N, C-alpha and C. Protein backbone atom coordinates (compact mmCIF):
# COMPACT_ATOMS: atom_id res chain seq x y z
N MET A 1 -11.50 -2.62 15.10
CA MET A 1 -10.36 -1.71 15.24
C MET A 1 -10.83 -0.40 15.85
N SER A 2 -9.97 0.20 16.63
CA SER A 2 -10.33 1.46 17.26
C SER A 2 -10.28 2.59 16.25
N ARG A 3 -11.08 3.62 16.50
CA ARG A 3 -11.06 4.80 15.65
C ARG A 3 -9.74 5.53 15.83
N ASN A 4 -9.35 6.27 14.80
CA ASN A 4 -8.09 6.98 14.91
C ASN A 4 -8.30 8.47 14.85
N ASN A 5 -7.21 9.20 14.98
CA ASN A 5 -7.27 10.66 15.04
C ASN A 5 -6.71 11.32 13.80
N LEU A 6 -6.59 10.59 12.71
CA LEU A 6 -6.06 11.18 11.48
C LEU A 6 -7.02 12.22 10.93
N ILE A 7 -6.46 13.36 10.55
CA ILE A 7 -7.24 14.44 9.96
C ILE A 7 -6.89 14.52 8.48
N VAL A 8 -7.91 14.68 7.64
CA VAL A 8 -7.71 14.77 6.19
C VAL A 8 -8.02 16.18 5.73
N GLU A 9 -7.04 16.84 5.15
CA GLU A 9 -7.24 18.15 4.52
C GLU A 9 -7.27 17.94 3.01
N THR A 10 -8.28 18.48 2.35
CA THR A 10 -8.41 18.34 0.91
C THR A 10 -8.05 19.64 0.21
N LEU A 11 -7.11 19.55 -0.72
CA LEU A 11 -6.73 20.69 -1.55
C LEU A 11 -7.04 20.35 -3.00
N VAL A 12 -7.82 21.17 -3.67
CA VAL A 12 -8.11 20.96 -5.08
C VAL A 12 -7.05 21.69 -5.89
N VAL A 13 -6.31 20.94 -6.71
CA VAL A 13 -5.13 21.52 -7.36
C VAL A 13 -5.16 21.30 -8.87
N GLY A 14 -4.55 22.25 -9.58
CA GLY A 14 -4.31 22.10 -11.01
C GLY A 14 -5.52 22.30 -11.89
N GLN A 15 -5.26 22.34 -13.20
CA GLN A 15 -6.31 22.56 -14.18
C GLN A 15 -7.32 21.42 -14.23
N MET A 16 -6.93 20.24 -13.80
CA MET A 16 -7.83 19.10 -13.82
C MET A 16 -8.51 18.89 -12.48
N ALA A 17 -8.38 19.86 -11.59
CA ALA A 17 -9.07 19.85 -10.29
C ALA A 17 -8.92 18.51 -9.57
N ALA A 18 -7.68 18.09 -9.44
CA ALA A 18 -7.40 16.85 -8.71
C ALA A 18 -7.41 17.12 -7.21
N ASN A 19 -7.83 16.13 -6.46
CA ASN A 19 -7.82 16.24 -5.00
C ASN A 19 -6.46 15.81 -4.47
N CYS A 20 -5.78 16.74 -3.81
CA CYS A 20 -4.56 16.45 -3.08
C CYS A 20 -4.93 16.37 -1.61
N TYR A 21 -4.51 15.32 -0.94
CA TYR A 21 -4.87 15.12 0.46
C TYR A 21 -3.65 15.24 1.36
N ILE A 22 -3.79 16.06 2.39
CA ILE A 22 -2.79 16.11 3.45
C ILE A 22 -3.39 15.36 4.64
N VAL A 23 -2.78 14.25 4.99
CA VAL A 23 -3.25 13.40 6.08
C VAL A 23 -2.31 13.61 7.25
N ARG A 24 -2.88 14.01 8.40
CA ARG A 24 -2.01 14.37 9.52
C ARG A 24 -2.47 13.75 10.84
N ASP A 25 -1.48 13.46 11.64
CA ASP A 25 -1.69 13.05 13.03
C ASP A 25 -0.88 14.02 13.87
N GLY A 26 -1.55 14.93 14.55
CA GLY A 26 -0.83 15.97 15.25
C GLY A 26 -0.09 16.86 14.27
N SER A 27 1.22 16.97 14.44
CA SER A 27 2.02 17.84 13.57
C SER A 27 2.74 17.07 12.47
N VAL A 28 2.47 15.77 12.36
CA VAL A 28 3.13 14.93 11.37
C VAL A 28 2.15 14.61 10.24
N ALA A 29 2.64 14.67 8.99
CA ALA A 29 1.72 14.50 7.87
C ALA A 29 2.39 13.76 6.72
N VAL A 30 1.54 13.21 5.85
CA VAL A 30 1.95 12.77 4.51
C VAL A 30 1.05 13.48 3.52
N VAL A 31 1.57 13.71 2.32
CA VAL A 31 0.75 14.31 1.27
C VAL A 31 0.50 13.25 0.21
N ILE A 32 -0.75 13.17 -0.21
CA ILE A 32 -1.17 12.15 -1.16
C ILE A 32 -1.69 12.83 -2.43
N ASP A 33 -1.14 12.43 -3.55
CA ASP A 33 -1.53 12.95 -4.87
C ASP A 33 -1.32 14.46 -5.01
N PRO A 34 -0.08 14.92 -4.92
CA PRO A 34 0.20 16.34 -5.15
C PRO A 34 0.20 16.64 -6.65
N GLY A 35 -0.98 16.86 -7.20
CA GLY A 35 -1.13 16.94 -8.65
C GLY A 35 -0.62 18.20 -9.29
N ASP A 36 -0.50 19.27 -8.53
CA ASP A 36 -0.03 20.55 -9.08
C ASP A 36 0.01 21.54 -7.92
N ASP A 37 0.37 22.79 -8.24
CA ASP A 37 0.32 23.88 -7.25
C ASP A 37 1.17 23.56 -6.02
N GLY A 38 2.43 23.23 -6.27
CA GLY A 38 3.31 22.84 -5.17
C GLY A 38 3.43 23.88 -4.08
N GLN A 39 3.49 25.16 -4.45
CA GLN A 39 3.64 26.19 -3.42
C GLN A 39 2.40 26.27 -2.54
N TYR A 40 1.23 26.07 -3.13
CA TYR A 40 -0.02 26.04 -2.36
C TYR A 40 0.03 24.92 -1.32
N ILE A 41 0.55 23.78 -1.73
CA ILE A 41 0.66 22.65 -0.80
C ILE A 41 1.65 22.99 0.32
N ILE A 42 2.79 23.55 -0.05
CA ILE A 42 3.80 23.92 0.95
C ILE A 42 3.25 24.97 1.90
N ASP A 43 2.53 25.97 1.36
CA ASP A 43 1.94 27.01 2.22
C ASP A 43 0.95 26.41 3.21
N THR A 44 0.19 25.41 2.77
CA THR A 44 -0.78 24.76 3.67
C THR A 44 -0.07 24.00 4.77
N LEU A 45 1.01 23.33 4.44
CA LEU A 45 1.80 22.63 5.46
C LEU A 45 2.32 23.62 6.49
N GLN A 46 2.79 24.76 6.02
CA GLN A 46 3.32 25.77 6.94
C GLN A 46 2.21 26.39 7.78
N LYS A 47 1.04 26.56 7.18
CA LYS A 47 -0.11 27.13 7.90
C LYS A 47 -0.44 26.31 9.14
N TYR A 48 -0.36 24.99 9.01
CA TYR A 48 -0.68 24.10 10.13
C TYR A 48 0.56 23.64 10.89
N SER A 49 1.72 24.22 10.55
CA SER A 49 3.00 23.86 11.20
C SER A 49 3.24 22.35 11.15
N LEU A 50 3.10 21.78 9.95
CA LEU A 50 3.21 20.34 9.79
C LEU A 50 4.59 19.94 9.31
N THR A 51 5.04 18.80 9.81
CA THR A 51 6.26 18.17 9.33
C THR A 51 5.87 17.06 8.37
N LEU A 52 6.21 17.23 7.10
CA LEU A 52 5.83 16.25 6.09
C LEU A 52 6.85 15.12 6.06
N LYS A 53 6.35 13.87 6.09
CA LYS A 53 7.23 12.71 6.15
C LYS A 53 7.38 12.00 4.81
N ALA A 54 6.37 12.10 3.94
CA ALA A 54 6.44 11.37 2.68
C ALA A 54 5.42 11.92 1.69
N ILE A 55 5.69 11.66 0.42
CA ILE A 55 4.77 11.95 -0.67
C ILE A 55 4.29 10.60 -1.21
N VAL A 56 2.98 10.45 -1.37
CA VAL A 56 2.42 9.19 -1.83
C VAL A 56 1.51 9.46 -3.03
N ALA A 57 1.59 8.63 -4.05
CA ALA A 57 0.69 8.73 -5.20
C ALA A 57 -0.21 7.51 -5.26
N THR A 58 -1.50 7.74 -5.46
CA THR A 58 -2.42 6.61 -5.62
C THR A 58 -2.22 5.93 -6.96
N HIS A 59 -1.72 6.67 -7.94
CA HIS A 59 -1.37 6.10 -9.24
C HIS A 59 -0.49 7.10 -9.99
N GLY A 60 0.00 6.70 -11.15
CA GLY A 60 1.04 7.47 -11.81
C GLY A 60 0.60 8.49 -12.83
N HIS A 61 -0.68 8.79 -12.93
CA HIS A 61 -1.11 9.77 -13.92
C HIS A 61 -0.63 11.17 -13.56
N PHE A 62 -0.32 11.94 -14.59
CA PHE A 62 0.35 13.24 -14.40
C PHE A 62 -0.43 14.19 -13.51
N ASP A 63 -1.76 14.16 -13.58
CA ASP A 63 -2.56 15.13 -12.82
C ASP A 63 -2.58 14.83 -11.33
N HIS A 64 -1.91 13.75 -10.93
CA HIS A 64 -1.81 13.41 -9.51
C HIS A 64 -0.39 13.54 -8.97
N ILE A 65 0.57 13.87 -9.84
CA ILE A 65 1.97 13.86 -9.38
C ILE A 65 2.79 15.05 -9.85
N MET A 66 2.20 16.02 -10.54
CA MET A 66 3.02 17.08 -11.15
C MET A 66 3.76 17.95 -10.13
N ALA A 67 3.28 18.01 -8.89
CA ALA A 67 3.99 18.80 -7.87
C ALA A 67 4.92 17.94 -7.02
N ALA A 68 4.98 16.65 -7.30
CA ALA A 68 5.77 15.75 -6.45
C ALA A 68 7.25 16.07 -6.51
N TYR A 69 7.76 16.40 -7.70
CA TYR A 69 9.18 16.73 -7.83
C TYR A 69 9.53 17.95 -6.99
N GLU A 70 8.69 19.00 -7.08
CA GLU A 70 8.95 20.22 -6.31
C GLU A 70 8.99 19.94 -4.82
N LEU A 71 8.05 19.14 -4.34
CA LEU A 71 8.02 18.80 -2.92
C LEU A 71 9.22 17.94 -2.55
N GLN A 72 9.55 16.99 -3.41
CA GLN A 72 10.66 16.09 -3.12
C GLN A 72 11.98 16.85 -3.03
N ILE A 73 12.20 17.77 -3.97
CA ILE A 73 13.45 18.52 -4.00
C ILE A 73 13.48 19.57 -2.89
N SER A 74 12.36 20.28 -2.70
CA SER A 74 12.33 21.37 -1.72
C SER A 74 12.43 20.86 -0.29
N LEU A 75 11.79 19.72 -0.02
CA LEU A 75 11.68 19.24 1.35
C LEU A 75 12.49 17.98 1.63
N GLY A 76 13.12 17.43 0.58
CA GLY A 76 13.96 16.25 0.78
C GLY A 76 13.18 15.03 1.22
N LEU A 77 12.07 14.74 0.52
CA LEU A 77 11.15 13.70 0.97
C LEU A 77 11.17 12.47 0.08
N PRO A 78 10.85 11.31 0.66
CA PRO A 78 10.67 10.11 -0.16
C PRO A 78 9.37 10.18 -0.94
N PHE A 79 9.39 9.56 -2.13
CA PHE A 79 8.19 9.47 -2.97
C PHE A 79 7.82 8.00 -3.11
N LEU A 80 6.57 7.68 -2.76
CA LEU A 80 6.09 6.30 -2.76
C LEU A 80 4.92 6.17 -3.73
N MET A 81 4.89 5.07 -4.48
CA MET A 81 3.77 4.81 -5.38
C MET A 81 3.62 3.31 -5.57
N GLY A 82 2.50 2.91 -6.13
CA GLY A 82 2.21 1.51 -6.31
C GLY A 82 3.14 0.84 -7.32
N LYS A 83 3.55 -0.37 -7.00
CA LYS A 83 4.40 -1.15 -7.90
C LYS A 83 3.61 -1.45 -9.17
N GLY A 84 4.19 -1.12 -10.30
CA GLY A 84 3.53 -1.35 -11.58
C GLY A 84 3.17 -0.09 -12.32
N ASP A 85 3.26 1.05 -11.65
CA ASP A 85 2.94 2.33 -12.30
C ASP A 85 4.18 3.17 -12.60
N GLU A 86 5.35 2.63 -12.34
CA GLU A 86 6.57 3.42 -12.54
C GLU A 86 6.71 3.90 -13.99
N PHE A 87 6.25 3.08 -14.94
CA PHE A 87 6.40 3.44 -16.35
C PHE A 87 5.66 4.72 -16.71
N LEU A 88 4.61 5.04 -15.95
CA LEU A 88 3.84 6.24 -16.24
C LEU A 88 4.62 7.52 -15.95
N LEU A 89 5.60 7.44 -15.06
CA LEU A 89 6.41 8.62 -14.76
C LEU A 89 7.17 9.09 -16.00
N LYS A 90 7.59 8.15 -16.82
CA LYS A 90 8.34 8.51 -18.03
C LYS A 90 7.48 9.32 -19.00
N ASN A 91 6.16 9.12 -18.92
CA ASN A 91 5.24 9.81 -19.83
C ASN A 91 4.63 11.07 -19.22
N MET A 92 5.00 11.41 -17.99
CA MET A 92 4.31 12.49 -17.28
C MET A 92 4.37 13.81 -18.03
N ARG A 93 5.55 14.22 -18.44
CA ARG A 93 5.70 15.53 -19.08
C ARG A 93 5.00 15.56 -20.44
N ALA A 94 5.13 14.49 -21.20
CA ALA A 94 4.47 14.42 -22.51
C ALA A 94 2.96 14.43 -22.36
N SER A 95 2.45 13.73 -21.36
CA SER A 95 0.99 13.69 -21.14
C SER A 95 0.47 15.05 -20.72
N ALA A 96 1.18 15.73 -19.83
CA ALA A 96 0.76 17.06 -19.40
C ALA A 96 0.76 18.04 -20.56
N ASN A 97 1.76 17.94 -21.42
CA ASN A 97 1.81 18.81 -22.59
C ASN A 97 0.68 18.50 -23.56
N HIS A 98 0.39 17.21 -23.74
CA HIS A 98 -0.66 16.80 -24.67
C HIS A 98 -2.04 17.26 -24.21
N TYR A 99 -2.36 17.03 -22.94
CA TYR A 99 -3.70 17.32 -22.44
C TYR A 99 -3.87 18.78 -22.02
N LEU A 100 -2.84 19.39 -21.46
CA LEU A 100 -2.97 20.73 -20.88
C LEU A 100 -2.11 21.78 -21.57
N HIS A 101 -1.24 21.34 -22.49
CA HIS A 101 -0.36 22.26 -23.21
C HIS A 101 0.53 23.06 -22.25
N ILE A 102 1.09 22.36 -21.28
CA ILE A 102 1.98 23.00 -20.31
C ILE A 102 3.28 22.21 -20.23
N THR A 103 4.32 22.89 -19.75
CA THR A 103 5.60 22.25 -19.48
C THR A 103 5.74 22.09 -17.97
N THR A 104 6.05 20.90 -17.54
CA THR A 104 6.09 20.60 -16.10
C THR A 104 7.53 20.37 -15.63
N ASP A 105 7.67 20.29 -14.32
CA ASP A 105 8.91 19.81 -13.73
C ASP A 105 9.15 18.37 -14.17
N PRO A 106 10.36 17.86 -13.97
CA PRO A 106 10.59 16.43 -14.21
C PRO A 106 9.72 15.59 -13.26
N PRO A 107 9.55 14.32 -13.56
CA PRO A 107 8.85 13.45 -12.62
C PRO A 107 9.68 13.23 -11.37
N PRO A 108 9.04 12.86 -10.26
CA PRO A 108 9.78 12.57 -9.04
C PRO A 108 10.57 11.28 -9.18
N THR A 109 11.50 11.10 -8.29
CA THR A 109 12.25 9.85 -8.21
C THR A 109 11.57 8.93 -7.22
N VAL A 110 11.28 7.71 -7.65
CA VAL A 110 10.60 6.76 -6.77
C VAL A 110 11.57 6.26 -5.71
N THR A 111 11.20 6.45 -4.46
CA THR A 111 12.01 5.98 -3.33
C THR A 111 11.65 4.55 -2.97
N LYS A 112 10.36 4.26 -3.04
CA LYS A 112 9.87 2.92 -2.69
C LYS A 112 8.57 2.66 -3.42
N THR A 113 8.40 1.43 -3.91
CA THR A 113 7.12 1.03 -4.48
C THR A 113 6.30 0.31 -3.41
N LEU A 114 5.01 0.51 -3.47
CA LEU A 114 4.09 -0.03 -2.47
C LEU A 114 3.28 -1.18 -3.05
N ALA A 115 3.02 -2.17 -2.22
CA ALA A 115 2.24 -3.34 -2.61
C ALA A 115 1.13 -3.59 -1.60
N ASP A 116 0.19 -4.42 -1.99
CA ASP A 116 -0.93 -4.77 -1.12
C ASP A 116 -0.42 -5.26 0.23
N GLY A 117 -0.95 -4.67 1.30
CA GLY A 117 -0.56 -5.07 2.65
C GLY A 117 0.51 -4.21 3.28
N ASP A 118 1.14 -3.34 2.51
CA ASP A 118 2.13 -2.44 3.09
C ASP A 118 1.47 -1.44 4.04
N ILE A 119 2.26 -0.90 4.94
CA ILE A 119 1.78 0.06 5.94
C ILE A 119 2.55 1.37 5.80
N ILE A 120 1.82 2.48 5.86
CA ILE A 120 2.43 3.81 5.91
C ILE A 120 2.13 4.39 7.27
N THR A 121 3.16 4.79 7.99
CA THR A 121 2.99 5.34 9.33
C THR A 121 2.89 6.85 9.26
N VAL A 122 1.87 7.39 9.93
CA VAL A 122 1.66 8.84 10.02
C VAL A 122 1.58 9.17 11.51
N GLY A 123 2.67 9.68 12.07
CA GLY A 123 2.70 9.90 13.50
C GLY A 123 2.52 8.59 14.24
N ALA A 124 1.50 8.54 15.10
CA ALA A 124 1.21 7.31 15.84
C ALA A 124 0.18 6.44 15.14
N GLN A 125 -0.27 6.86 13.96
CA GLN A 125 -1.33 6.15 13.24
C GLN A 125 -0.76 5.42 12.03
N LYS A 126 -1.57 4.55 11.47
CA LYS A 126 -1.12 3.76 10.33
C LYS A 126 -2.17 3.77 9.22
N LEU A 127 -1.68 3.80 7.98
CA LEU A 127 -2.53 3.62 6.81
C LEU A 127 -2.15 2.30 6.15
N SER A 128 -3.15 1.52 5.80
CA SER A 128 -2.91 0.27 5.09
C SER A 128 -3.02 0.50 3.59
N VAL A 129 -2.13 -0.11 2.85
CA VAL A 129 -2.15 -0.03 1.39
C VAL A 129 -2.90 -1.23 0.84
N ILE A 130 -3.85 -0.98 -0.06
CA ILE A 130 -4.48 -2.08 -0.78
C ILE A 130 -4.30 -1.84 -2.28
N ALA A 131 -3.99 -2.90 -2.99
CA ALA A 131 -3.84 -2.80 -4.44
C ALA A 131 -5.22 -2.77 -5.08
N VAL A 132 -5.43 -1.79 -5.97
CA VAL A 132 -6.72 -1.64 -6.65
C VAL A 132 -6.48 -1.40 -8.14
N PRO A 133 -5.88 -2.37 -8.83
CA PRO A 133 -5.56 -2.18 -10.24
C PRO A 133 -6.80 -2.11 -11.12
N GLY A 134 -6.59 -1.63 -12.32
CA GLY A 134 -7.68 -1.52 -13.29
C GLY A 134 -7.57 -0.23 -14.07
N HIS A 135 -7.72 0.89 -13.38
CA HIS A 135 -7.51 2.19 -14.02
C HIS A 135 -6.06 2.28 -14.49
N THR A 136 -5.14 1.92 -13.62
CA THR A 136 -3.74 1.71 -13.97
C THR A 136 -3.28 0.42 -13.29
N PRO A 137 -2.21 -0.19 -13.77
CA PRO A 137 -1.77 -1.47 -13.19
C PRO A 137 -1.36 -1.37 -11.72
N GLY A 138 -0.81 -0.21 -11.34
CA GLY A 138 -0.29 -0.07 -9.98
C GLY A 138 -1.11 0.80 -9.07
N SER A 139 -2.38 1.03 -9.40
CA SER A 139 -3.23 1.86 -8.54
C SER A 139 -3.32 1.27 -7.14
N ILE A 140 -3.26 2.16 -6.14
CA ILE A 140 -3.41 1.74 -4.75
C ILE A 140 -4.46 2.62 -4.08
N ALA A 141 -5.02 2.11 -3.00
CA ALA A 141 -5.88 2.90 -2.12
C ALA A 141 -5.26 2.86 -0.73
N LEU A 142 -5.56 3.88 0.06
CA LEU A 142 -4.99 4.01 1.41
C LEU A 142 -6.12 3.98 2.42
N VAL A 143 -6.05 3.04 3.34
CA VAL A 143 -7.16 2.73 4.23
C VAL A 143 -6.82 3.09 5.68
N SER A 144 -7.69 3.89 6.29
CA SER A 144 -7.62 4.14 7.73
C SER A 144 -8.74 3.36 8.39
N ASN A 145 -9.01 3.65 9.66
CA ASN A 145 -10.12 2.99 10.35
C ASN A 145 -11.45 3.68 10.12
N GLU A 146 -11.46 4.72 9.30
CA GLU A 146 -12.70 5.48 9.08
C GLU A 146 -12.93 5.82 7.62
N TRP A 147 -11.91 5.75 6.81
CA TRP A 147 -12.02 6.24 5.44
C TRP A 147 -11.00 5.56 4.54
N ILE A 148 -11.20 5.74 3.22
CA ILE A 148 -10.28 5.22 2.21
C ILE A 148 -10.04 6.30 1.16
N ILE A 149 -8.79 6.57 0.87
CA ILE A 149 -8.44 7.42 -0.27
C ILE A 149 -8.29 6.50 -1.48
N VAL A 150 -9.16 6.69 -2.47
CA VAL A 150 -9.30 5.69 -3.54
C VAL A 150 -8.72 6.11 -4.89
N GLY A 151 -8.14 7.31 -4.98
CA GLY A 151 -7.60 7.73 -6.26
C GLY A 151 -8.69 7.81 -7.32
N ASP A 152 -8.37 7.32 -8.52
CA ASP A 152 -9.33 7.37 -9.63
C ASP A 152 -10.03 6.04 -9.85
N VAL A 153 -10.18 5.24 -8.81
CA VAL A 153 -10.90 3.98 -8.94
C VAL A 153 -12.39 4.23 -9.13
N LEU A 154 -12.96 5.07 -8.29
CA LEU A 154 -14.38 5.42 -8.40
C LEU A 154 -14.62 6.77 -7.77
N PHE A 155 -15.80 7.32 -8.08
CA PHE A 155 -16.09 8.70 -7.71
C PHE A 155 -17.50 8.83 -7.15
N SER A 156 -17.75 9.95 -6.48
CA SER A 156 -19.09 10.24 -5.99
C SER A 156 -20.07 10.22 -7.16
N GLY A 157 -21.23 9.60 -6.95
CA GLY A 157 -22.21 9.50 -8.01
C GLY A 157 -22.13 8.22 -8.81
N GLY A 158 -21.09 7.42 -8.56
CA GLY A 158 -21.00 6.11 -9.20
C GLY A 158 -20.11 6.02 -10.42
N ALA A 159 -19.52 7.14 -10.86
CA ALA A 159 -18.58 7.06 -11.98
C ALA A 159 -17.35 6.26 -11.56
N VAL A 160 -16.73 5.62 -12.54
CA VAL A 160 -15.53 4.81 -12.26
C VAL A 160 -14.38 5.31 -13.12
N GLY A 161 -13.18 4.89 -12.77
CA GLY A 161 -12.00 5.32 -13.49
C GLY A 161 -11.99 4.83 -14.93
N ARG A 162 -11.35 5.59 -15.79
CA ARG A 162 -11.24 5.23 -17.20
C ARG A 162 -10.48 3.92 -17.37
N THR A 163 -10.96 3.13 -18.33
CA THR A 163 -10.25 1.89 -18.66
C THR A 163 -10.00 1.78 -20.16
N ASP A 164 -9.95 2.93 -20.84
CA ASP A 164 -9.71 2.92 -22.28
C ASP A 164 -8.24 3.12 -22.63
N PHE A 165 -7.38 3.14 -21.63
CA PHE A 165 -5.94 3.18 -21.90
C PHE A 165 -5.46 1.77 -22.26
N SER A 166 -4.35 1.71 -22.98
CA SER A 166 -3.84 0.40 -23.41
C SER A 166 -3.45 -0.49 -22.24
N TYR A 167 -3.12 0.12 -21.12
CA TYR A 167 -2.66 -0.62 -19.94
C TYR A 167 -3.76 -0.83 -18.91
N SER A 168 -4.96 -0.34 -19.18
CA SER A 168 -6.07 -0.48 -18.23
C SER A 168 -6.75 -1.83 -18.37
N ASP A 169 -7.55 -2.17 -17.37
CA ASP A 169 -8.24 -3.46 -17.37
C ASP A 169 -9.57 -3.29 -16.66
N LYS A 170 -10.66 -3.29 -17.42
CA LYS A 170 -11.98 -3.05 -16.85
C LYS A 170 -12.38 -4.13 -15.86
N GLU A 171 -12.06 -5.38 -16.17
CA GLU A 171 -12.41 -6.47 -15.26
C GLU A 171 -11.69 -6.32 -13.93
N GLN A 172 -10.41 -5.98 -13.99
CA GLN A 172 -9.66 -5.75 -12.76
C GLN A 172 -10.24 -4.58 -11.97
N LEU A 173 -10.67 -3.53 -12.67
CA LEU A 173 -11.24 -2.38 -11.98
C LEU A 173 -12.49 -2.78 -11.21
N MET A 174 -13.35 -3.60 -11.82
CA MET A 174 -14.57 -4.02 -11.13
C MET A 174 -14.24 -4.86 -9.89
N ILE A 175 -13.20 -5.68 -9.99
CA ILE A 175 -12.77 -6.46 -8.82
C ILE A 175 -12.26 -5.52 -7.73
N SER A 176 -11.53 -4.49 -8.12
CA SER A 176 -11.02 -3.51 -7.15
C SER A 176 -12.15 -2.76 -6.47
N ILE A 177 -13.18 -2.42 -7.23
CA ILE A 177 -14.34 -1.74 -6.64
C ILE A 177 -15.02 -2.64 -5.62
N GLN A 178 -15.14 -3.92 -5.93
CA GLN A 178 -15.74 -4.85 -4.97
C GLN A 178 -14.89 -4.96 -3.71
N LYS A 179 -13.58 -4.90 -3.87
CA LYS A 179 -12.68 -4.93 -2.70
C LYS A 179 -12.96 -3.73 -1.80
N ILE A 180 -13.10 -2.56 -2.40
CA ILE A 180 -13.40 -1.35 -1.63
C ILE A 180 -14.77 -1.46 -0.97
N ARG A 181 -15.73 -2.01 -1.68
CA ARG A 181 -17.09 -2.13 -1.14
C ARG A 181 -17.17 -3.10 0.04
N SER A 182 -16.13 -3.91 0.25
CA SER A 182 -16.16 -4.88 1.34
C SER A 182 -15.95 -4.23 2.71
N TYR A 183 -15.55 -2.97 2.72
CA TYR A 183 -15.37 -2.25 3.99
C TYR A 183 -16.72 -1.74 4.50
N PRO A 184 -16.80 -1.36 5.78
CA PRO A 184 -18.09 -0.92 6.35
C PRO A 184 -18.72 0.23 5.57
N GLU A 185 -20.06 0.25 5.56
CA GLU A 185 -20.80 1.22 4.76
C GLU A 185 -20.58 2.65 5.20
N ASP A 186 -20.20 2.87 6.46
CA ASP A 186 -20.01 4.25 6.92
C ASP A 186 -18.62 4.79 6.61
N TYR A 187 -17.76 3.99 6.00
CA TYR A 187 -16.45 4.49 5.60
C TYR A 187 -16.61 5.59 4.56
N ILE A 188 -15.86 6.67 4.76
CA ILE A 188 -15.83 7.76 3.79
C ILE A 188 -14.84 7.41 2.69
N LEU A 189 -15.22 7.71 1.45
CA LEU A 189 -14.34 7.53 0.31
C LEU A 189 -13.88 8.89 -0.19
N TYR A 190 -12.58 9.07 -0.28
CA TYR A 190 -11.99 10.30 -0.80
C TYR A 190 -11.44 10.00 -2.20
N PRO A 191 -12.10 10.49 -3.25
CA PRO A 191 -11.66 10.17 -4.62
C PRO A 191 -10.61 11.14 -5.15
N GLY A 192 -10.09 10.82 -6.32
CA GLY A 192 -9.08 11.65 -6.94
C GLY A 192 -9.59 12.95 -7.51
N HIS A 193 -10.89 13.01 -7.76
CA HIS A 193 -11.54 14.23 -8.25
C HIS A 193 -12.95 14.27 -7.67
N GLY A 194 -13.46 15.45 -7.43
CA GLY A 194 -14.84 15.59 -6.99
C GLY A 194 -15.03 15.41 -5.49
N GLU A 195 -16.30 15.33 -5.11
CA GLU A 195 -16.68 15.29 -3.70
C GLU A 195 -16.46 13.92 -3.08
N LYS A 196 -16.29 13.91 -1.77
CA LYS A 196 -16.21 12.65 -1.04
C LYS A 196 -17.59 11.99 -1.01
N THR A 197 -17.60 10.70 -0.72
CA THR A 197 -18.84 9.95 -0.63
C THR A 197 -18.66 8.88 0.45
N THR A 198 -19.56 7.93 0.52
CA THR A 198 -19.41 6.82 1.46
C THR A 198 -19.59 5.50 0.72
N ILE A 199 -19.11 4.45 1.33
CA ILE A 199 -19.29 3.13 0.73
C ILE A 199 -20.77 2.79 0.62
N GLY A 200 -21.55 3.18 1.62
CA GLY A 200 -22.99 2.92 1.57
C GLY A 200 -23.65 3.58 0.38
N ASP A 201 -23.30 4.84 0.12
CA ASP A 201 -23.88 5.54 -1.02
C ASP A 201 -23.45 4.92 -2.34
N ILE A 202 -22.19 4.57 -2.44
CA ILE A 202 -21.68 3.98 -3.67
C ILE A 202 -22.29 2.60 -3.91
N SER A 203 -22.42 1.82 -2.84
CA SER A 203 -22.89 0.44 -2.99
C SER A 203 -24.28 0.37 -3.59
N GLN A 204 -25.11 1.36 -3.32
CA GLN A 204 -26.46 1.38 -3.89
C GLN A 204 -26.43 1.49 -5.40
N LEU A 205 -25.32 1.98 -5.95
CA LEU A 205 -25.21 2.18 -7.39
C LEU A 205 -24.58 0.99 -8.10
N PHE A 206 -24.13 0.00 -7.32
CA PHE A 206 -23.47 -1.17 -7.91
C PHE A 206 -24.18 -2.46 -7.51
N VAL A 207 -25.49 -2.38 -7.40
CA VAL A 207 -26.27 -3.56 -7.01
C VAL A 207 -26.35 -4.52 -8.20
């Protein structure tokens, strides 16, 4: 496949320092995992004169979606997430209050659920959706020709997503990690928290 021109802007948002990604082709963009600080995200879009087309969540945990409602209402945008994680939206406000002792906006309204093999168009470029369940049932990753946004599946240094939730599945998570590792070693991995890494670096830790 040919290389593409998608640019990834990383914004670290919220008390849990989640990575929010603005992926753009020219002046057209999608925002991925708007975990908090909605105005900061909007200001960044305006800074680059970007037209936002959609909001996408890699999974339904509150620290990745708390600003989605603000963006959806302010900008009139569709909200997309993996099929199987919709139930987590109902718990978003309670979870944020439990872990961070804050009151949040309501959860966003799901416009479309995404499944393995779906395509998200960003300008003239495309992102492929792959299902990567385990951390949550509906976790997804977004694949370009150079990189993958992996959410909380795995992180720089070899840490992996939590599987101690009642709905998590450690075996599925390991299968999802192997799916990600099947891509070329020079692919950059953009995780839900922390620094980016590469498949080559991660693969050395899962021998």
